[in-house]
Amino acid sequence: MLQNVTVVLLDGVNPFELGVVCEVFGTDRSDDGLPVYDFAVASAEGPALRMNSGVSLQVEHGLERLETADLIAVPAGHSYASREFPPELLDALRRGVARGARVLSVCSGAFVLAAAGLLDDRRCAVHWKHAAALARQYPRAVVEPDVLYVDEDPVITSAGTAAGIDACLHLVRKEQGSEVANKIARRMVVPPHRDGGQAQYIERPLPHPEADTISDVLAWMERHLDEEVTVEQLAARAHMSPRTFARRFHQETGTTPYRWILRQRVLLAQRLLEATDETMDAIAGRTGFGNAATLRHHFVRAVGTTPNAYRRTFRGPEAA
């Protein structure tokens, strides 16, 4: 059962990520018939800490509070991607998992779990900005750089800021059912459920070309995303043979012409969904997908959610 929850802090903890865990598990909502958790905040670095925002904290509990927790949460903090962590904390996290507790990280809190070896050979999530560093520093961690959260029970990791809410509500839903999770979400005025595999809402532009031999062609392709073109046509525009063009294109962009066009079409669709009231068929036409069904197919594969759901997220339910 999910009853005893401890959030463990280090110096420089981020206030929002700490607040996420406190809001889900540390607020008494018994007046709504919701469960009350045995919740505590513990420090891994003494009773006096400072938040990343400069606010001072006086923390009552130390690492001993982790020994009885069903869930140990580790929020993000300043420079977690480049600092060392107290060995006593890492030992406590390992003991917790060994005795059957769950651990949950929010954003760069994943670096703490990785340092404890808890992400070895496990899929994990982290804010996209830290994904490359996490994978580089902890090569045994299976980093999924663009998802909201990953549940590799008993280890749950989430991406930046609000994705921590999604991960916490996911765990509540898993342990105590949708009704409890939905009521908590309603009190917090947040969406009751976003699937963990949904992509983080970031633009991930492809690498800039190291040379400029195809720059004119790339610019033309961006202006004509609504048109069907072949490699042969693009090669002729670049005054190359199709084979040479395909090789040069991959050298300078890191991908194929088809995949480059597809990604640019999805990015354009995202911008149109965010900024216009155009119908799905109109957006499909402007982006070169032809029809709404094809747009939906490629959008879901690239972004991890439907165009309608994406529009609702950015513009509210009435926009869909």
C-alpha atoms as a PDB file:
ATOM      1  CA  MET A   1       0.000   0.000   0.000  1.00  0.00           C
ATOM      2  CA  LEU A   2       1.044   3.571  -0.676  1.00  0.00           C
ATOM      3  CA  GLN A   3       0.830   5.180   2.757  1.00  0.00           C
ATOM      4  CA  ASN A   4       4.222   6.403   3.953  1.00  0.00           C
ATOM      5  CA  VAL A   5       5.834   8.970   1.646  1.00  0.00           C
ATOM      6  CA  THR A   6       9.140  10.766   2.177  1.00  0.00           C
ATOM      7  CA  VAL A   7      10.642  13.399  -0.091  1.00  0.00           C
ATOM      8  CA  VAL A   8      14.387  13.688   0.394  1.00  0.00           C
ATOM      9  CA  LEU A   9      16.181  16.978  -0.230  1.00  0.00           C
ATOM     10  CA  LEU A  10      19.663  18.151  -1.058  1.00  0.00           C
ATOM     11  CA  ASP A  11      21.031  21.656  -0.901  1.00  0.00           C
ATOM     12  CA  GLY A  12      19.872  23.645  -3.928  1.00  0.00           C
ATOM     13  CA  VAL A  13      16.574  21.795  -4.359  1.00  0.00           C
ATOM     14  CA  ASN A  14      14.170  23.394  -6.850  1.00  0.00           C
ATOM     15  CA  PRO A  15      11.005  24.745  -5.180  1.00  0.00           C
ATOM     16  CA  PHE A  16       8.585  23.719  -7.928  1.00  0.00           C
ATOM     17  CA  GLU A  17       9.705  20.098  -8.097  1.00  0.00           C
ATOM     18  CA  LEU A  18       9.596  19.874  -4.298  1.00  0.00           C
ATOM     19  CA  GLY A  19       6.153  21.460  -4.361  1.00  0.00           C
ATOM     20  CA  VAL A  20       4.881  18.889  -6.861  1.00  0.00           C
ATOM     21  CA  VAL A  21       5.492  16.013  -4.451  1.00  0.00           C
ATOM     22  CA  CYS A  22       4.196  17.986  -1.463  1.00  0.00           C
ATOM     23  CA  GLU A  23       1.021  18.940  -3.324  1.00  0.00           C
ATOM     24  CA  VAL A  24       0.152  15.396  -4.407  1.00  0.00           C
ATOM     25  CA  PHE A  25       1.134  13.510  -1.254  1.00  0.00           C
ATOM     26  CA  GLY A  26       1.519  16.091   1.515  1.00  0.00           C
ATOM     27  CA  THR A  27      -1.812  17.917   1.414  1.00  0.00           C
ATOM     28  CA  ASP A  28      -4.659  16.771   3.659  1.00  0.00           C
ATOM     29  CA  ARG A  29      -7.703  16.285   1.431  1.00  0.00           C
ATOM     30  CA  SER A  30      -9.658  14.094   3.825  1.00  0.00           C
ATOM     31  CA  ASP A  31     -12.573  16.545   3.542  1.00  0.00           C
ATOM     32  CA  ASP A  32     -13.000  15.150   0.009  1.00  0.00           C
ATOM     33  CA  GLY A  33     -12.785  11.594   1.221  1.00  0.00           C
ATOM     34  CA  LEU A  34      -9.253  11.223  -0.127  1.00  0.00           C
ATOM     35  CA  PRO A  35      -6.508   9.254   1.622  1.00  0.00           C
ATOM     36  CA  VAL A  36      -4.126  11.054   3.935  1.00  0.00           C
ATOM     37  CA  TYR A  37      -0.518  10.005   3.512  1.00  0.00           C
ATOM     38  CA  ASP A  38       2.025   9.764   6.289  1.00  0.00           C
ATOM     39  CA  PHE A  39       4.146  12.410   4.613  1.00  0.00           C
ATOM     40  CA  ALA A  40       7.503  13.833   5.644  1.00  0.00           C
ATOM     41  CA  VAL A  41      10.345  15.906   4.239  1.00  0.00           C
ATOM     42  CA  ALA A  42      13.861  14.657   4.992  1.00  0.00           C
ATOM     43  CA  SER A  43      17.293  16.147   4.381  1.00  0.00           C
ATOM     44  CA  ALA A  44      20.373  14.344   3.148  1.00  0.00           C
ATOM     45  CA  GLU A  45      22.653  17.266   4.070  1.00  0.00           C
ATOM     46  CA  GLY A  46      21.745  18.452   7.534  1.00  0.00           C
ATOM     47  CA  PRO A  47      18.739  20.319   8.939  1.00  0.00           C
ATOM     48  CA  ALA A  48      19.476  23.655   7.235  1.00  0.00           C
ATOM     49  CA  LEU A  49      19.170  23.785   3.453  1.00  0.00           C
ATOM     50  CA  ARG A  50      18.742  26.438   0.800  1.00  0.00           C
ATOM     51  CA  MET A  51      16.468  26.157  -2.188  1.00  0.00           C
ATOM     52  CA  ASN A  52      17.668  27.017  -5.664  1.00  0.00           C
ATOM     53  CA  SER A  53      15.663  30.253  -5.355  1.00  0.00           C
ATOM     54  CA  GLY A  54      17.609  31.316  -2.262  1.00  0.00           C
ATOM     55  CA  VAL A  55      14.912  30.452   0.282  1.00  0.00           C
ATOM     56  CA  SER A  56      16.199  28.818   3.470  1.00  0.00           C
ATOM     57  CA  LEU A  57      14.677  25.578   4.756  1.00  0.00           C
ATOM     58  CA  GLN A  58      14.748  24.011   8.188  1.00  0.00           C
ATOM     59  CA  VAL A  59      14.125  20.286   7.794  1.00  0.00           C
ATOM     60  CA  GLU A  60      13.039  18.172  10.739  1.00  0.00           C
ATOM     61  CA  HIS A  61      13.970  14.700   9.515  1.00  0.00           C
ATOM     62  CA  GLY A  62      17.207  13.143   8.356  1.00  0.00           C
ATOM     63  CA  LEU A  63      17.886  10.051   6.278  1.00  0.00           C
ATOM     64  CA  GLU A  64      16.481   7.776   8.992  1.00  0.00           C
ATOM     65  CA  ARG A  65      12.985   8.750   7.751  1.00  0.00           C
ATOM     66  CA  LEU A  66      13.661   6.925   4.469  1.00  0.00           C
ATOM     67  CA  GLU A  67      13.887   3.576   6.242  1.00  0.00           C
ATOM     68  CA  THR A  68      10.116   3.300   6.727  1.00  0.00           C
ATOM     69  CA  ALA A  69       8.880   4.971   3.535  1.00  0.00           C
ATOM     70  CA  ASP A  70       6.753   3.174   0.945  1.00  0.00           C
ATOM     71  CA  LEU A  71       7.759   5.871  -1.537  1.00  0.00           C
ATOM     72  CA  ILE A  72      10.946   7.941  -1.562  1.00  0.00           C
ATOM     73  CA  ALA A  73      10.728  10.949  -3.879  1.00  0.00           C
ATOM     74  CA  VAL A  74      13.768  12.866  -5.116  1.00  0.00           C
ATOM     75  CA  PRO A  75      12.990  16.282  -6.651  1.00  0.00           C
ATOM     76  CA  ALA A  76      15.322  18.199  -8.935  1.00  0.00           C
ATOM     77  CA  GLY A  77      17.881  20.736  -7.845  1.00  0.00           C
ATOM     78  CA  HIS A  78      20.622  23.068  -8.942  1.00  0.00           C
ATOM     79  CA  SER A  79      23.629  21.416 -10.631  1.00  0.00           C
ATOM     80  CA  TYR A  80      22.407  17.873  -9.942  1.00  0.00           C
ATOM     81  CA  ALA A  81      23.786  16.942 -13.357  1.00  0.00           C
ATOM     82  CA  SER A  82      27.323  17.786 -12.280  1.00  0.00           C
ATOM     83  CA  ARG A  83      27.592  17.352  -8.504  1.00  0.00           C
ATOM     84  CA  GLU A  84      28.393  14.422  -6.230  1.00  0.00           C
ATOM     85  CA  PHE A  85      25.813  13.049  -3.815  1.00  0.00           C
ATOM     86  CA  PRO A  86      26.233  11.918  -0.201  1.00  0.00           C
ATOM     87  CA  PRO A  87      27.105   8.202  -0.071  1.00  0.00           C
ATOM     88  CA  GLU A  88      24.719   7.786   2.873  1.00  0.00           C
ATOM     89  CA  LEU A  89      21.831   8.963   0.691  1.00  0.00           C
ATOM     90  CA  LEU A  90      22.734   6.578  -2.124  1.00  0.00           C
ATOM     91  CA  ASP A  91      22.962   3.706   0.361  1.00  0.00           C
ATOM     92  CA  ALA A  92      19.556   4.624   1.810  1.00  0.00           C
ATOM     93  CA  LEU A  93      17.973   4.645  -1.649  1.00  0.00           C
ATOM     94  CA  ARG A  94      19.439   1.242  -2.452  1.00  0.00           C
ATOM     95  CA  ARG A  95      18.206  -0.165   0.860  1.00  0.00           C
ATOM     96  CA  GLY A  96      14.767   1.244   0.213  1.00  0.00           C
ATOM     97  CA  VAL A  97      14.435  -0.512  -3.124  1.00  0.00           C
ATOM     98  CA  ALA A  98      15.887  -3.718  -1.674  1.00  0.00           C
ATOM     99  CA  ARG A  99      13.170  -3.859   0.994  1.00  0.00           C
ATOM    100  CA  GLY A 100      10.365  -3.141  -1.487  1.00  0.00           C
ATOM    101  CA  ALA A 101       9.946   0.640  -1.431  1.00  0.00           C
ATOM    102  CA  ARG A 102       9.452   2.660  -4.578  1.00  0.00           C
ATOM    103  CA  VAL A 103      11.627   5.596  -5.593  1.00  0.00           C
ATOM    104  CA  LEU A 104      10.461   8.453  -7.801  1.00  0.00           C
ATOM    105  CA  SER A 105      12.521  11.246  -9.318  1.00  0.00           C
ATOM    106  CA  VAL A 106      11.356  14.553 -10.725  1.00  0.00           C
ATOM    107  CA  CYS A 107      13.484  16.027 -13.530  1.00  0.00           C
ATOM    108  CA  SER A 108      17.199  16.073 -12.619  1.00  0.00           C
ATOM    109  CA  GLY A 109      16.497  14.048  -9.482  1.00  0.00           C
ATOM    110  CA  ALA A 110      17.155  11.164 -11.882  1.00  0.00           C
ATOM    111  CA  PHE A 111      20.879  11.845 -11.480  1.00  0.00           C
ATOM    112  CA  VAL A 112      20.603  10.890  -7.813  1.00  0.00           C
ATOM    113  CA  LEU A 113      18.922   7.599  -8.673  1.00  0.00           C
ATOM    114  CA  ALA A 114      21.503   6.947 -11.372  1.00  0.00           C
ATOM    115  CA  ALA A 115      24.364   7.593  -8.938  1.00  0.00           C
ATOM    116  CA  ALA A 116      22.816   4.973  -6.638  1.00  0.00           C
ATOM    117  CA  GLY A 117      22.832   2.475  -9.523  1.00  0.00           C
ATOM    118  CA  LEU A 118      19.044   2.316  -9.580  1.00  0.00           C
ATOM    119  CA  LEU A 119      18.812   3.221 -13.271  1.00  0.00           C
ATOM    120  CA  ASP A 120      21.243   0.527 -14.425  1.00  0.00           C
ATOM    121  CA  ASP A 121      19.602  -1.415 -17.263  1.00  0.00           C
ATOM    122  CA  ARG A 122      16.331   0.421 -16.666  1.00  0.00           C
ATOM    123  CA  ARG A 123      14.437   2.753 -18.963  1.00  0.00           C
ATOM    124  CA  CYS A 124      14.209   6.229 -17.478  1.00  0.00           C
ATOM    125  CA  ALA A 125      13.023   9.754 -18.171  1.00  0.00           C
ATOM    126  CA  VAL A 126      14.578  13.129 -17.477  1.00  0.00           C
ATOM    127  CA  HIS A 127      14.120  16.661 -18.776  1.00  0.00           C
ATOM    128  CA  TRP A 128      15.202  16.733 -22.422  1.00  0.00           C
ATOM    129  CA  LYS A 129      17.897  19.283 -21.572  1.00  0.00           C
ATOM    130  CA  HIS A 130      19.638  16.752 -19.302  1.00  0.00           C
ATOM    131  CA  ALA A 131      19.077  13.587 -21.358  1.00  0.00           C
ATOM    132  CA  ALA A 132      22.439  13.584 -23.126  1.00  0.00           C
ATOM    133  CA  ALA A 133      24.356  14.254 -19.902  1.00  0.00           C
ATOM    134  CA  LEU A 134      22.524  11.492 -18.045  1.00  0.00           C
ATOM    135  CA  ALA A 135      23.216   8.990 -20.812  1.00  0.00           C
ATOM    136  CA  ARG A 136      26.866  10.034 -21.019  1.00  0.00           C
ATOM    137  CA  GLN A 137      27.540   9.902 -17.277  1.00  0.00           C
ATOM    138  CA  TYR A 138      25.570   6.711 -16.658  1.00  0.00           C
ATOM    139  CA  PRO A 139      25.820   4.593 -19.822  1.00  0.00           C
ATOM    140  CA  ARG A 140      23.911   1.696 -18.263  1.00  0.00           C
ATOM    141  CA  ALA A 141      20.823   3.881 -17.867  1.00  0.00           C
ATOM    142  CA  VAL A 142      18.410   3.474 -20.789  1.00  0.00           C
ATOM    143  CA  VAL A 143      17.484   7.130 -21.242  1.00  0.00           C
ATOM    144  CA  GLU A 144      14.291   7.919 -23.142  1.00  0.00           C
ATOM    145  CA  PRO A 145      14.827  11.604 -23.908  1.00  0.00           C
ATOM    146  CA  ASP A 146      11.362  12.734 -24.991  1.00  0.00           C
ATOM    147  CA  VAL A 147       8.774  11.006 -22.790  1.00  0.00           C
ATOM    148  CA  LEU A 148       6.945  12.458 -19.793  1.00  0.00           C
ATOM    149  CA  TYR A 149       7.683   9.669 -17.350  1.00  0.00           C
ATOM    150  CA  VAL A 150       8.737   6.027 -17.188  1.00  0.00           C
ATOM    151  CA  ASP A 151       7.434   3.450 -14.719  1.00  0.00           C
ATOM    152  CA  GLU A 152      10.023   0.709 -14.298  1.00  0.00           C
ATOM    153  CA  ASP A 153       8.601  -0.469 -10.989  1.00  0.00           C
ATOM    154  CA  PRO A 154       9.923   0.078  -8.344  1.00  0.00           C
ATOM    155  CA  VAL A 155      11.724   3.011 -10.020  1.00  0.00           C
ATOM    156  CA  ILE A 156       9.678   5.841 -11.535  1.00  0.00           C
ATOM    157  CA  THR A 157      11.386   8.737 -13.310  1.00  0.00           C
ATOM    158  CA  SER A 158       9.827  11.851 -14.794  1.00  0.00           C
ATOM    159  CA  ALA A 159      10.834  14.698 -17.059  1.00  0.00           C
ATOM    160  CA  GLY A 160      10.794  18.386 -16.203  1.00  0.00           C
ATOM    161  CA  THR A 161       8.439  20.286 -13.917  1.00  0.00           C
ATOM    162  CA  ALA A 162       4.819  19.355 -14.687  1.00  0.00           C
ATOM    163  CA  ALA A 163       5.762  15.842 -15.827  1.00  0.00           C
ATOM    164  CA  GLY A 164       6.460  15.173 -12.160  1.00  0.00           C
ATOM    165  CA  ILE A 165       2.768  15.763 -11.476  1.00  0.00           C
ATOM    166  CA  ASP A 166       1.913  13.227 -14.170  1.00  0.00           C
ATOM    167  CA  ALA A 167       4.233  10.634 -12.625  1.00  0.00           C
ATOM    168  CA  CYS A 168       2.881  11.174  -9.100  1.00  0.00           C
ATOM    169  CA  LEU A 169      -0.737  10.924 -10.261  1.00  0.00           C
ATOM    170  CA  HIS A 170       0.153   7.848 -12.295  1.00  0.00           C
ATOM    171  CA  LEU A 171       1.429   6.162  -9.143  1.00  0.00           C
ATOM    172  CA  VAL A 172      -1.690   7.166  -7.185  1.00  0.00           C
ATOM    173  CA  ARG A 173      -3.864   5.795  -9.981  1.00  0.00           C
ATOM    174  CA  LYS A 174      -1.874   2.575 -10.062  1.00  0.00           C
ATOM    175  CA  GLU A 175      -2.080   2.015  -6.300  1.00  0.00           C
ATOM    176  CA  GLN A 176      -5.410   3.575  -5.341  1.00  0.00           C
ATOM    177  CA  GLY A 177      -7.445   3.773  -8.515  1.00  0.00           C
ATOM    178  CA  SER A 178      -8.587   6.367 -11.024  1.00  0.00           C
ATOM    179  CA  GLU A 179     -11.220   7.892  -8.748  1.00  0.00           C
ATOM    180  CA  VAL A 180      -8.651   8.930  -6.152  1.00  0.00           C
ATOM    181  CA  ALA A 181      -6.189  10.184  -8.780  1.00  0.00           C
ATOM    182  CA  ASN A 182      -8.898  12.132 -10.601  1.00  0.00           C
ATOM    183  CA  LYS A 183     -10.103  13.803  -7.406  1.00  0.00           C
ATOM    184  CA  ILE A 184      -6.570  14.877  -6.513  1.00  0.00           C
ATOM    185  CA  ALA A 185      -6.076  16.209 -10.044  1.00  0.00           C
ATOM    186  CA  ARG A 186      -9.349  18.110  -9.831  1.00  0.00           C
ATOM    187  CA  ARG A 187      -8.279  19.760  -6.590  1.00  0.00           C
ATOM    188  CA  MET A 188      -4.938  20.663  -8.190  1.00  0.00           C
ATOM    189  CA  VAL A 189      -6.693  21.867 -11.379  1.00  0.00           C
ATOM    190  CA  VAL A 190      -4.468  19.755 -13.630  1.00  0.00           C
ATOM    191  CA  PRO A 191      -5.228  17.128 -16.293  1.00  0.00           C
ATOM    192  CA  PRO A 192      -6.060  13.852 -14.537  1.00  0.00           C
ATOM    193  CA  HIS A 193      -3.985  11.721 -16.882  1.00  0.00           C
ATOM    194  CA  ARG A 194      -1.262  12.139 -19.458  1.00  0.00           C
ATOM    195  CA  ASP A 195       0.274   8.917 -20.681  1.00  0.00           C
ATOM    196  CA  GLY A 196       3.950   8.533 -19.839  1.00  0.00           C
ATOM    197  CA  GLY A 197       4.875   7.764 -23.434  1.00  0.00           C
ATOM    198  CA  GLN A 198       3.564  11.119 -24.602  1.00  0.00           C
ATOM    199  CA  ALA A 199       6.357  13.287 -25.919  1.00  0.00           C
ATOM    200  CA  GLN A 200       7.715  16.286 -24.050  1.00  0.00           C
ATOM    201  CA  TYR A 201       6.536  19.447 -25.819  1.00  0.00           C
ATOM    202  CA  ILE A 202       9.820  20.597 -27.281  1.00  0.00           C
ATOM    203  CA  GLU A 203      11.052  21.411 -30.712  1.00  0.00           C
ATOM    204  CA  ARG A 204      13.908  19.110 -31.590  1.00  0.00           C
ATOM    205  CA  PRO A 205      15.437  20.641 -34.720  1.00  0.00           C
ATOM    206  CA  LEU A 206      17.716  18.440 -36.718  1.00  0.00           C
ATOM    207  CA  PRO A 207      21.459  19.164 -36.627  1.00  0.00           C
ATOM    208  CA  HIS A 208      22.609  22.233 -38.503  1.00  0.00           C
ATOM    209  CA  PRO A 209      24.572  21.344 -41.617  1.00  0.00           C
ATOM    210  CA  GLU A 210      28.322  21.423 -41.161  1.00  0.00           C
ATOM    211  CA  ALA A 211      28.657  22.649 -44.738  1.00  0.00           C
ATOM    212  CA  ASP A 212      26.378  24.661 -46.958  1.00  0.00           C
ATOM    213  CA  THR A 213      26.376  22.701 -50.215  1.00  0.00           C
ATOM    214  CA  ILE A 214      22.675  21.870 -49.821  1.00  0.00           C
ATOM    215  CA  SER A 215      21.543  24.948 -47.883  1.00  0.00           C
ATOM    216  CA  ASP A 216      19.643  26.378 -50.843  1.00  0.00           C
ATOM    217  CA  VAL A 217      17.837  23.079 -51.314  1.00  0.00           C
ATOM    218  CA  LEU A 218      16.939  22.917 -47.625  1.00  0.00           C
ATOM    219  CA  ALA A 219      15.513  26.432 -47.774  1.00  0.00           C
ATOM    220  CA  TRP A 220      13.474  25.492 -50.843  1.00  0.00           C
ATOM    221  CA  MET A 221      12.191  22.339 -49.130  1.00  0.00           C
ATOM    222  CA  GLU A 222      11.044  24.366 -46.121  1.00  0.00           C
ATOM    223  CA  ARG A 223       9.088  26.706 -48.385  1.00  0.00           C
ATOM    224  CA  HIS A 224       7.427  23.812 -50.250  1.00  0.00           C
ATOM    225  CA  LEU A 225       6.478  21.350 -47.519  1.00  0.00           C
ATOM    226  CA  ASP A 226       3.016  21.031 -49.051  1.00  0.00           C
ATOM    227  CA  GLU A 227       4.453  19.605 -52.270  1.00  0.00           C
ATOM    228  CA  GLU A 228       5.433  16.032 -53.072  1.00  0.00           C
ATOM    229  CA  VAL A 229       9.047  15.899 -54.247  1.00  0.00           C
ATOM    230  CA  THR A 230      11.421  13.102 -55.117  1.00  0.00           C
ATOM    231  CA  VAL A 231      15.117  12.686 -54.388  1.00  0.00           C
ATOM    232  CA  GLU A 232      15.720  12.978 -58.117  1.00  0.00           C
ATOM    233  CA  GLN A 233      14.023  16.380 -58.214  1.00  0.00           C
ATOM    234  CA  LEU A 234      15.948  17.597 -55.199  1.00  0.00           C
ATOM    235  CA  ALA A 235      19.218  16.306 -56.632  1.00  0.00           C
ATOM    236  CA  ALA A 236      18.588  18.146 -59.875  1.00  0.00           C
ATOM    237  CA  ARG A 237      17.976  21.352 -57.916  1.00  0.00           C
ATOM    238  CA  ALA A 238      21.328  20.796 -56.167  1.00  0.00           C
ATOM    239  CA  HIS A 239      23.038  19.951 -59.503  1.00  0.00           C
ATOM    240  CA  MET A 240      24.077  16.519 -58.242  1.00  0.00           C
ATOM    241  CA  SER A 241      23.329  12.940 -59.086  1.00  0.00           C
ATOM    242  CA  PRO A 242      20.638  11.379 -56.855  1.00  0.00           C
ATOM    243  CA  ARG A 243      23.219   9.103 -55.232  1.00  0.00           C
ATOM    244  CA  THR A 244      25.634  11.932 -54.489  1.00  0.00           C
ATOM    245  CA  PHE A 245      22.823  14.143 -53.233  1.00  0.00           C
ATOM    246  CA  ALA A 246      21.502  11.459 -50.852  1.00  0.00           C
ATOM    247  CA  ARG A 247      24.995  10.873 -49.461  1.00  0.00           C
ATOM    248  CA  ARG A 248      25.716  14.591 -49.067  1.00  0.00           C
ATOM    249  CA  PHE A 249      22.301  15.209 -47.507  1.00  0.00           C
ATOM    250  CA  HIS A 250      22.926  12.590 -44.837  1.00  0.00           C
ATOM    251  CA  GLN A 251      26.420  13.919 -44.170  1.00  0.00           C
ATOM    252  CA  GLU A 252      25.156  17.454 -43.616  1.00  0.00           C
ATOM    253  CA  THR A 253      21.853  16.813 -41.802  1.00  0.00           C
ATOM    254  CA  GLY A 254      22.309  13.420 -40.172  1.00  0.00           C
ATOM    255  CA  THR A 255      19.154  12.033 -41.770  1.00  0.00           C
ATOM    256  CA  THR A 256      17.483  11.250 -45.100  1.00  0.00           C
ATOM    257  CA  PRO A 257      15.500  13.724 -47.234  1.00  0.00           C
ATOM    258  CA  TYR A 258      12.288  11.839 -46.470  1.00  0.00           C
ATOM    259  CA  ARG A 259      12.785  11.949 -42.723  1.00  0.00           C
ATOM    260  CA  TRP A 260      13.890  15.589 -42.835  1.00  0.00           C
ATOM    261  CA  ILE A 261      10.751  16.613 -44.711  1.00  0.00           C
ATOM    262  CA  LEU A 262       8.565  14.518 -42.415  1.00  0.00           C
ATOM    263  CA  ARG A 263      10.003  16.150 -39.289  1.00  0.00           C
ATOM    264  CA  GLN A 264       9.626  19.650 -40.731  1.00  0.00           C
ATOM    265  CA  ARG A 265       6.026  18.890 -41.672  1.00  0.00           C
ATOM    266  CA  VAL A 266       5.267  17.769 -38.110  1.00  0.00           C
ATOM    267  CA  LEU A 267       6.921  20.906 -36.681  1.00  0.00           C
ATOM    268  CA  LEU A 268       4.815  23.072 -39.000  1.00  0.00           C
ATOM    269  CA  ALA A 269       1.695  21.170 -37.940  1.00  0.00           C
ATOM    270  CA  GLN A 270       2.573  21.828 -34.287  1.00  0.00           C
ATOM    271  CA  ARG A 271       2.876  25.550 -34.946  1.00  0.00           C
ATOM    272  CA  LEU A 272      -0.432  25.652 -36.804  1.00  0.00           C
ATOM    273  CA  LEU A 273      -2.202  23.689 -34.061  1.00  0.00           C
ATOM    274  CA  GLU A 274      -0.844  26.085 -31.450  1.00  0.00           C
ATOM    275  CA  ALA A 275      -1.540  29.326 -33.290  1.00  0.00           C
ATOM    276  CA  THR A 276      -4.535  28.854 -35.631  1.00  0.00           C
ATOM    277  CA  ASP A 277      -8.104  27.559 -35.707  1.00  0.00           C
ATOM    278  CA  GLU A 278      -7.626  25.779 -39.034  1.00  0.00           C
ATOM    279  CA  THR A 279      -9.310  22.417 -39.463  1.00  0.00           C
ATOM    280  CA  MET A 280      -7.288  19.207 -39.437  1.00  0.00           C
ATOM    281  CA  ASP A 281      -7.827  18.781 -43.173  1.00  0.00           C
ATOM    282  CA  ALA A 282      -6.590  22.323 -43.830  1.00  0.00           C
ATOM    283  CA  ILE A 283      -3.498  21.757 -41.692  1.00  0.00           C
ATOM    284  CA  ALA A 284      -2.910  18.421 -43.412  1.00  0.00           C
ATOM    285  CA  GLY A 285      -3.004  20.201 -46.764  1.00  0.00           C
ATOM    286  CA  ARG A 286      -0.630  22.982 -45.703  1.00  0.00           C
ATOM    287  CA  THR A 287       1.860  20.525 -44.241  1.00  0.00           C
ATOM    288  CA  GLY A 288       1.904  18.094 -47.135  1.00  0.00           C
ATOM    289  CA  PHE A 289       0.176  15.211 -45.358  1.00  0.00           C
ATOM    290  CA  GLY A 290      -2.816  15.434 -47.668  1.00  0.00           C
ATOM    291  CA  ASN A 291      -5.589  14.438 -45.275  1.00  0.00           C
ATOM    292  CA  ALA A 292      -6.370  14.411 -41.583  1.00  0.00           C
ATOM    293  CA  ALA A 293      -5.891  10.649 -41.198  1.00  0.00           C
ATOM    294  CA  THR A 294      -2.353  10.760 -42.574  1.00  0.00           C
ATOM    295  CA  LEU A 295      -1.566  13.828 -40.463  1.00  0.00           C
ATOM    296  CA  ARG A 296      -2.785  12.019 -37.355  1.00  0.00           C
ATOM    297  CA  HIS A 297      -0.734   8.902 -38.155  1.00  0.00           C
ATOM    298  CA  HIS A 298       2.562  10.752 -38.543  1.00  0.00           C
ATOM    299  CA  PHE A 299       1.843  13.217 -35.733  1.00  0.00           C
ATOM    300  CA  VAL A 300       1.218  10.447 -33.198  1.00  0.00           C
ATOM    301  CA  ARG A 301       4.394   8.640 -34.239  1.00  0.00           C
ATOM    302  CA  ALA A 302       6.510  11.779 -33.918  1.00  0.00           C
ATOM    303  CA  VAL A 303       4.946  13.567 -30.943  1.00  0.00           C
ATOM    304  CA  GLY A 304       3.292  10.743 -29.034  1.00  0.00           C
ATOM    305  CA  THR A 305      -0.178  12.291 -28.917  1.00  0.00           C
ATOM    306  CA  THR A 306      -2.939  13.167 -31.385  1.00  0.00           C
ATOM    307  CA  PRO A 307      -3.231  16.546 -33.118  1.00  0.00           C
ATOM    308  CA  ASN A 308      -6.517  17.229 -31.300  1.00  0.00           C
ATOM    309  CA  ALA A 309      -5.005  16.443 -27.904  1.00  0.00           C
ATOM    310  CA  TYR A 310      -1.978  18.584 -28.718  1.00  0.00           C
ATOM    311  CA  ARG A 311      -4.198  21.531 -29.636  1.00  0.00           C
ATOM    312  CA  ARG A 312      -6.245  21.142 -26.439  1.00  0.00           C
ATOM    313  CA  THR A 313      -3.066  21.188 -24.374  1.00  0.00           C
ATOM    314  CA  PHE A 314      -1.922  24.485 -25.852  1.00  0.00           C
ATOM    315  CA  ARG A 315      -5.199  26.255 -26.515  1.00  0.00           C
ATOM    316  CA  GLY A 316      -7.786  24.726 -24.182  1.00  0.00           C
ATOM    317  CA  PRO A 317     -10.642  22.219 -24.737  1.00  0.00           C
ATOM    318  CA  GLU A 318     -12.741  24.641 -26.764  1.00  0.00           C
ATOM    319  CA  ALA A 319     -10.032  24.837 -29.469  1.00  0.00           C
ATOM    320  CA  ALA A 320     -10.299  21.166 -30.418  1.00  0.00           C
END
